[in-house]
């Protein structure tokens, strides 16, 4: 019998760092080969077109960079 494990996408946090520059990661690219790459907002945008060709899924959490109004 084959078991299938389904992992839910977990939000990126301060520990997750950009693979290019080391800044906090806000973009996760889950690759077709099973690996993943993490990028800051800047590098996520810079490599977006190339990632689309090799990624199964791209999780973009850059909306977290926008400040919400104070209550």
PDB file of N, CA and C in Angstrom:
ATOM      1  N   UNK A   1       0.840  -1.173   0.000  1.00  0.00           N
ATOM      2  CA  UNK A   1       0.000   0.000   0.000  1.00  0.00           C
ATOM      3  C   UNK A   1       0.890   1.243   0.000  1.00  0.00           C
ATOM      4  N   UNK A   2       0.529   2.205  -0.806  1.00  0.00           N
ATOM      5  CA  UNK A   2       1.284   3.452  -0.896  1.00  0.00           C
ATOM      6  C   UNK A   2       0.579   4.528  -0.085  1.00  0.00           C
ATOM      7  N   UNK A   3       1.334   5.215   0.760  1.00  0.00           N
ATOM      8  CA  UNK A   3       0.778   6.317   1.530  1.00  0.00           C
ATOM      9  C   UNK A   3       1.142   7.620   0.859  1.00  0.00           C
ATOM     10  N   UNK A   4       0.188   8.539   0.858  1.00  0.00           N
ATOM     11  CA  UNK A   4       0.449   9.855   0.299  1.00  0.00           C
ATOM     12  C   UNK A   4       0.404  10.868   1.430  1.00  0.00           C
ATOM     13  N   UNK A   5       1.444  11.646   1.551  1.00  0.00           N
ATOM     14  CA  UNK A   5       1.520  12.674   2.576  1.00  0.00           C
ATOM     15  C   UNK A   5       1.224  14.011   1.922  1.00  0.00           C
ATOM     16  N   UNK A   6       0.260  14.717   2.473  1.00  0.00           N
ATOM     17  CA  UNK A   6      -0.093  16.034   1.943  1.00  0.00           C
ATOM     18  C   UNK A   6       0.337  17.068   2.970  1.00  0.00           C
ATOM     19  N   UNK A   7       1.212  17.943   2.562  1.00  0.00           N
ATOM     20  CA  UNK A   7       1.694  19.005   3.439  1.00  0.00           C
ATOM     21  C   UNK A   7       1.002  20.302   3.071  1.00  0.00           C
ATOM     22  N   UNK A   8       0.434  20.961   4.054  1.00  0.00           N
ATOM     23  CA  UNK A   8      -0.174  22.256   3.802  1.00  0.00           C
ATOM     24  C   UNK A   8       0.933  23.301   3.749  1.00  0.00           C
ATOM     25  N   UNK A   9       0.723  24.311   2.934  1.00  0.00           N
ATOM     26  CA  UNK A   9       1.699  25.390   2.840  1.00  0.00           C
ATOM     27  C   UNK A   9       1.692  26.169   4.148  1.00  0.00           C
ATOM     28  N   UNK A  10       2.828  26.217   4.790  1.00  0.00           N
ATOM     29  CA  UNK A  10       2.929  26.975   6.025  1.00  0.00           C
ATOM     30  C   UNK A  10       3.423  28.375   5.705  1.00  0.00           C
ATOM     31  N   UNK A  11       2.931  29.365   6.425  1.00  0.00           N
ATOM     32  CA  UNK A  11       3.395  30.725   6.168  1.00  0.00           C
ATOM     33  C   UNK A  11       4.894  30.850   6.413  1.00  0.00           C
ATOM     34  N   UNK A  12       5.538  31.647   5.618  1.00  0.00           N
ATOM     35  CA  UNK A  12       6.955  31.917   5.831  1.00  0.00           C
ATOM     36  C   UNK A  12       7.088  32.816   7.052  1.00  0.00           C
ATOM     37  N   UNK A  13       8.190  32.685   7.776  1.00  0.00           N
ATOM     38  CA  UNK A  13       8.404  33.523   8.955  1.00  0.00           C
ATOM     39  C   UNK A  13       9.814  34.094   8.933  1.00  0.00           C
ATOM     40  N   UNK A  14      10.200  34.761   9.993  1.00  0.00           N
ATOM     41  CA  UNK A  14      11.494  35.457  10.045  1.00  0.00           C
ATOM     42  C   UNK A  14      12.692  34.521   9.929  1.00  0.00           C
ATOM     43  N   UNK A  15      12.513  33.248  10.210  1.00  0.00           N
ATOM     44  CA  UNK A  15      13.605  32.280  10.115  1.00  0.00           C
ATOM     45  C   UNK A  15      13.883  31.918   8.654  1.00  0.00           C
ATOM     46  N   UNK A  16      12.863  32.006   7.800  1.00  0.00           N
ATOM     47  CA  UNK A  16      13.012  31.667   6.380  1.00  0.00           C
ATOM     48  C   UNK A  16      13.743  32.802   5.664  1.00  0.00           C
ATOM     49  N   UNK A  17      14.844  32.463   4.996  1.00  0.00           N
ATOM     50  CA  UNK A  17      15.704  33.476   4.389  1.00  0.00           C
ATOM     51  C   UNK A  17      15.796  33.283   2.884  1.00  0.00           C
ATOM     52  N   UNK A  18      15.991  34.377   2.177  1.00  0.00           N
ATOM     53  CA  UNK A  18      16.144  34.382   0.722  1.00  0.00           C
ATOM     54  C   UNK A  18      17.395  33.593   0.337  1.00  0.00           C
ATOM     55  N   UNK A  19      17.242  32.671  -0.612  1.00  0.00           N
ATOM     56  CA  UNK A  19      18.378  31.875  -1.069  1.00  0.00           C
ATOM     57  C   UNK A  19      19.388  32.711  -1.851  1.00  0.00           C
ATOM     58  N   UNK A  20      19.007  33.883  -2.283  1.00  0.00           N
ATOM     59  CA  UNK A  20      19.900  34.734  -3.084  1.00  0.00           C
ATOM     60  C   UNK A  20      20.682  35.718  -2.215  1.00  0.00           C
ATOM     61  N   UNK A  21      19.990  36.387  -1.260  1.00  0.00           N
ATOM     62  CA  UNK A  21      20.678  37.455  -0.516  1.00  0.00           C
ATOM     63  C   UNK A  21      20.604  37.319   1.001  1.00  0.00           C
ATOM     64  N   UNK A  22      19.802  36.402   1.508  1.00  0.00           N
ATOM     65  CA  UNK A  22      19.718  36.201   2.944  1.00  0.00           C
ATOM     66  C   UNK A  22      18.685  37.053   3.662  1.00  0.00           C
ATOM     67  N   UNK A  23      17.972  37.924   2.951  1.00  0.00           N
ATOM     68  CA  UNK A  23      16.909  38.719   3.569  1.00  0.00           C
ATOM     69  C   UNK A  23      15.731  37.811   3.910  1.00  0.00           C
ATOM     70  N   UNK A  24      14.762  38.324   4.665  1.00  0.00           N
ATOM     71  CA  UNK A  24      13.594  37.519   5.011  1.00  0.00           C
ATOM     72  C   UNK A  24      12.854  37.107   3.746  1.00  0.00           C
ATOM     73  N   UNK A  25      12.470  35.847   3.673  1.00  0.00           N
ATOM     74  CA  UNK A  25      11.798  35.306   2.483  1.00  0.00           C
ATOM     75  C   UNK A  25      10.298  35.565   2.545  1.00  0.00           C
ATOM     76  N   UNK A  26       9.733  35.962   1.411  1.00  0.00           N
ATOM     77  CA  UNK A  26       8.295  36.160   1.267  1.00  0.00           C
ATOM     78  C   UNK A  26       7.737  35.392   0.073  1.00  0.00           C
ATOM     79  N   UNK A  27       8.600  34.691  -0.667  1.00  0.00           N
ATOM     80  CA  UNK A  27       8.185  33.906  -1.825  1.00  0.00           C
ATOM     81  C   UNK A  27       8.794  32.513  -1.712  1.00  0.00           C
ATOM     82  N   UNK A  28       7.950  31.484  -1.848  1.00  0.00           N
ATOM     83  CA  UNK A  28       8.417  30.100  -1.843  1.00  0.00           C
ATOM     84  C   UNK A  28       8.055  29.486  -3.185  1.00  0.00           C
ATOM     85  N   UNK A  29       9.034  28.925  -3.874  1.00  0.00           N
ATOM     86  CA  UNK A  29       8.795  28.224  -5.131  1.00  0.00           C
ATOM     87  C   UNK A  29       9.014  26.739  -4.881  1.00  0.00           C
ATOM     88  N   UNK A  30       7.941  25.961  -5.016  1.00  0.00           N
ATOM     89  CA  UNK A  30       8.024  24.505  -4.872  1.00  0.00           C
ATOM     90  C   UNK A  30       8.318  23.966  -6.272  1.00  0.00           C
ATOM     91  N   UNK A  31       9.480  23.357  -6.431  1.00  0.00           N
ATOM     92  CA  UNK A  31       9.960  22.947  -7.745  1.00  0.00           C
ATOM     93  C   UNK A  31       9.360  21.620  -8.200  1.00  0.00           C
ATOM     94  N   UNK A  32       9.328  21.421  -9.495  1.00  0.00           N
ATOM     95  CA  UNK A  32       8.805  20.187 -10.079  1.00  0.00           C
ATOM     96  C   UNK A  32       9.594  18.967  -9.606  1.00  0.00           C
ATOM     97  N   UNK A  33      10.880  19.149  -9.323  1.00  0.00           N
ATOM     98  CA  UNK A  33      11.718  18.018  -8.891  1.00  0.00           C
ATOM     99  C   UNK A  33      11.602  17.740  -7.394  1.00  0.00           C
ATOM    100  N   UNK A  34      10.759  18.496  -6.693  1.00  0.00           N
ATOM    101  CA  UNK A  34      10.528  18.244  -5.277  1.00  0.00           C
ATOM    102  C   UNK A  34      11.237  19.188  -4.337  1.00  0.00           C
ATOM    103  N   UNK A  35      12.183  19.965  -4.814  1.00  0.00           N
ATOM    104  CA  UNK A  35      12.883  20.921  -3.957  1.00  0.00           C
ATOM    105  C   UNK A  35      12.084  22.202  -3.803  1.00  0.00           C
ATOM    106  N   UNK A  36      12.659  23.154  -3.110  1.00  0.00           N
ATOM    107  CA  UNK A  36      12.030  24.462  -2.988  1.00  0.00           C
ATOM    108  C   UNK A  36      13.094  25.544  -2.914  1.00  0.00           C
ATOM    109  N   UNK A  37      12.712  26.719  -3.366  1.00  0.00           N
ATOM    110  CA  UNK A  37      13.570  27.893  -3.287  1.00  0.00           C
ATOM    111  C   UNK A  37      12.808  28.981  -2.546  1.00  0.00           C
ATOM    112  N   UNK A  38      13.527  29.755  -1.742  1.00  0.00           N
ATOM    113  CA  UNK A  38      12.929  30.864  -1.006  1.00  0.00           C
ATOM    114  C   UNK A  38      13.558  32.162  -1.481  1.00  0.00           C
ATOM    115  N   UNK A  39      12.733  33.197  -1.629  1.00  0.00           N
ATOM    116  CA  UNK A  39      13.221  34.494  -2.085  1.00  0.00           C
ATOM    117  C   UNK A  39      12.576  35.627  -1.314  1.00  0.00           C
ATOM    118  N   UNK A  40      13.315  36.715  -1.159  1.00  0.00           N
ATOM    119  CA  UNK A  40      12.751  37.949  -0.628  1.00  0.00           C
ATOM    120  C   UNK A  40      11.811  38.511  -1.704  1.00  0.00           C
ATOM    121  N   UNK A  41      11.090  39.560  -1.399  1.00  0.00           N
ATOM    122  CA  UNK A  41      10.178  40.146  -2.373  1.00  0.00           C
ATOM    123  C   UNK A  41      10.888  40.619  -3.627  1.00  0.00           C
ATOM    124  N   UNK A  42      12.034  41.252  -3.460  1.00  0.00           N
ATOM    125  CA  UNK A  42      12.805  41.777  -4.592  1.00  0.00           C
ATOM    126  C   UNK A  42      13.234  40.652  -5.534  1.00  0.00           C
ATOM    127  N   UNK A  43      13.873  39.628  -5.002  1.00  0.00           N
ATOM    128  CA  UNK A  43      14.361  38.542  -5.850  1.00  0.00           C
ATOM    129  C   UNK A  43      13.221  37.657  -6.358  1.00  0.00           C
ATOM    130  N   UNK A  44      12.137  37.563  -5.604  1.00  0.00           N
ATOM    131  CA  UNK A  44      10.969  36.832  -6.083  1.00  0.00           C
ATOM    132  C   UNK A  44      10.422  37.445  -7.363  1.00  0.00           C
ATOM    133  N   UNK A  45      10.371  38.782  -7.395  1.00  0.00           N
ATOM    134  CA  UNK A  45       9.912  39.479  -8.610  1.00  0.00           C
ATOM    135  C   UNK A  45      10.930  39.350  -9.731  1.00  0.00           C
ATOM    136  N   UNK A  46      12.209  39.463  -9.394  1.00  0.00           N
ATOM    137  CA  UNK A  46      13.264  39.395 -10.404  1.00  0.00           C
ATOM    138  C   UNK A  46      13.274  38.042 -11.128  1.00  0.00           C
ATOM    139  N   UNK A  47      13.046  36.961 -10.397  1.00  0.00           N
ATOM    140  CA  UNK A  47      13.133  35.619 -10.978  1.00  0.00           C
ATOM    141  C   UNK A  47      11.770  35.000 -11.297  1.00  0.00           C
ATOM    142  N   UNK A  48      10.688  35.750 -11.172  1.00  0.00           N
ATOM    143  CA  UNK A  48       9.339  35.210 -11.340  1.00  0.00           C
ATOM    144  C   UNK A  48       9.134  34.493 -12.670  1.00  0.00           C
ATOM    145  N   UNK A  49       9.556  35.084 -13.763  1.00  0.00           N
ATOM    146  CA  UNK A  49       9.305  34.455 -15.068  1.00  0.00           C
ATOM    147  C   UNK A  49      10.070  33.140 -15.219  1.00  0.00           C
ATOM    148  N   UNK A  50      11.299  33.089 -14.746  1.00  0.00           N
ATOM    149  CA  UNK A  50      12.080  31.862 -14.817  1.00  0.00           C
ATOM    150  C   UNK A  50      11.554  30.774 -13.887  1.00  0.00           C
ATOM    151  N   UNK A  51      11.031  31.188 -12.732  1.00  0.00           N
ATOM    152  CA  UNK A  51      10.501  30.218 -11.777  1.00  0.00           C
ATOM    153  C   UNK A  51       9.256  29.518 -12.311  1.00  0.00           C
ATOM    154  N   UNK A  52       8.451  30.249 -13.068  1.00  0.00           N
ATOM    155  CA  UNK A  52       7.214  29.667 -13.602  1.00  0.00           C
ATOM    156  C   UNK A  52       7.490  28.435 -14.450  1.00  0.00           C
ATOM    157  N   UNK A  53       8.640  28.378 -15.096  1.00  0.00           N
ATOM    158  CA  UNK A  53       8.981  27.253 -15.963  1.00  0.00           C
ATOM    159  C   UNK A  53       9.397  26.010 -15.179  1.00  0.00           C
ATOM    160  N   UNK A  54       9.878  26.188 -13.942  1.00  0.00           N
ATOM    161  CA  UNK A  54      10.409  25.049 -13.182  1.00  0.00           C
ATOM    162  C   UNK A  54       9.665  24.783 -11.878  1.00  0.00           C
ATOM    163  N   UNK A  55       8.656  25.585 -11.577  1.00  0.00           N
ATOM    164  CA  UNK A  55       7.952  25.451 -10.306  1.00  0.00           C
ATOM    165  C   UNK A  55       6.590  24.798 -10.474  1.00  0.00           C
ATOM    166  N   UNK A  56       6.279  23.930  -9.532  1.00  0.00           N
ATOM    167  CA  UNK A  56       4.960  23.324  -9.473  1.00  0.00           C
ATOM    168  C   UNK A  56       3.986  24.312  -8.842  1.00  0.00           C
ATOM    169  N   UNK A  57       4.494  25.110  -7.902  1.00  0.00           N
ATOM    170  CA  UNK A  57       3.674  26.067  -7.173  1.00  0.00           C
ATOM    171  C   UNK A  57       4.556  27.215  -6.709  1.00  0.00           C
ATOM    172  N   UNK A  58       4.011  28.428  -6.763  1.00  0.00           N
ATOM    173  CA  UNK A  58       4.717  29.590  -6.231  1.00  0.00           C
ATOM    174  C   UNK A  58       3.810  30.237  -5.192  1.00  0.00           C
ATOM    175  N   UNK A  59       4.300  30.314  -3.972  1.00  0.00           N
ATOM    176  CA  UNK A  59       3.549  30.922  -2.876  1.00  0.00           C
ATOM    177  C   UNK A  59       4.112  32.321  -2.644  1.00  0.00           C
ATOM    178  N   UNK A  60       3.323  33.316  -2.970  1.00  0.00           N
ATOM    179  CA  UNK A  60       3.755  34.707  -2.858  1.00  0.00           C
ATOM    180  C   UNK A  60       3.078  35.333  -1.640  1.00  0.00           C
ATOM    181  N   UNK A  61       3.873  35.651  -0.642  1.00  0.00           N
ATOM    182  CA  UNK A  61       3.351  36.255   0.580  1.00  0.00           C
ATOM    183  C   UNK A  61       3.829  37.702   0.728  1.00  0.00           C
ATOM    184  N   UNK A  62       4.168  38.339  -0.396  1.00  0.00           N
ATOM    185  CA  UNK A  62       4.660  39.719  -0.346  1.00  0.00           C
ATOM    186  C   UNK A  62       3.588  40.700   0.103  1.00  0.00           C
ATOM    187  N   UNK A  63       2.326  40.295   0.097  1.00  0.00           N
ATOM    188  CA  UNK A  63       1.275  41.186   0.592  1.00  0.00           C
ATOM    189  C   UNK A  63       1.466  41.493   2.077  1.00  0.00           C
ATOM    190  N   UNK A  64       2.223  40.676   2.772  1.00  0.00           N
ATOM    191  CA  UNK A  64       2.517  40.919   4.183  1.00  0.00           C
ATOM    192  C   UNK A  64       3.454  42.112   4.371  1.00  0.00           C
ATOM    193  N   UNK A  65       4.095  42.562   3.306  1.00  0.00           N
ATOM    194  CA  UNK A  65       5.008  43.707   3.389  1.00  0.00           C
ATOM    195  C   UNK A  65       4.276  45.044   3.466  1.00  0.00           C
ATOM    196  N   UNK A  66       3.017  45.054   3.090  1.00  0.00           N
ATOM    197  CA  UNK A  66       2.228  46.286   3.110  1.00  0.00           C
ATOM    198  C   UNK A  66       1.711  46.502   4.520  1.00  0.00           C
ATOM    199  N   UNK A  67       1.994  47.681   5.051  1.00  0.00           N
ATOM    200  CA  UNK A  67       1.541  47.984   6.401  1.00  0.00           C
ATOM    201  C   UNK A  67       0.041  48.158   6.422  1.00  0.00           C
ATOM    202  N   UNK A  68      -0.591  47.622   7.468  1.00  0.00           N
ATOM    203  CA  UNK A  68      -2.016  47.837   7.634  1.00  0.00           C
ATOM    204  C   UNK A  68      -2.219  49.100   8.473  1.00  0.00           C
ATOM    205  N   UNK A  69      -3.305  49.816   8.238  1.00  0.00           N
ATOM    206  CA  UNK A  69      -3.529  51.056   8.998  1.00  0.00           C
ATOM    207  C   UNK A  69      -3.710  50.759  10.490  1.00  0.00           C
ATOM    208  N   UNK A  70      -3.203  51.650  11.322  1.00  0.00           N
ATOM    209  CA  UNK A  70      -3.327  51.504  12.768  1.00  0.00           C
ATOM    210  C   UNK A  70      -4.772  51.723  13.179  1.00  0.00           C
ATOM    211  N   UNK A  71      -5.210  50.957  14.139  1.00  0.00           N
ATOM    212  CA  UNK A  71      -6.597  51.114  14.635  1.00  0.00           C
ATOM    213  C   UNK A  71      -6.657  52.104  15.748  1.00  0.00           C
TER     214      UNK A  71
END
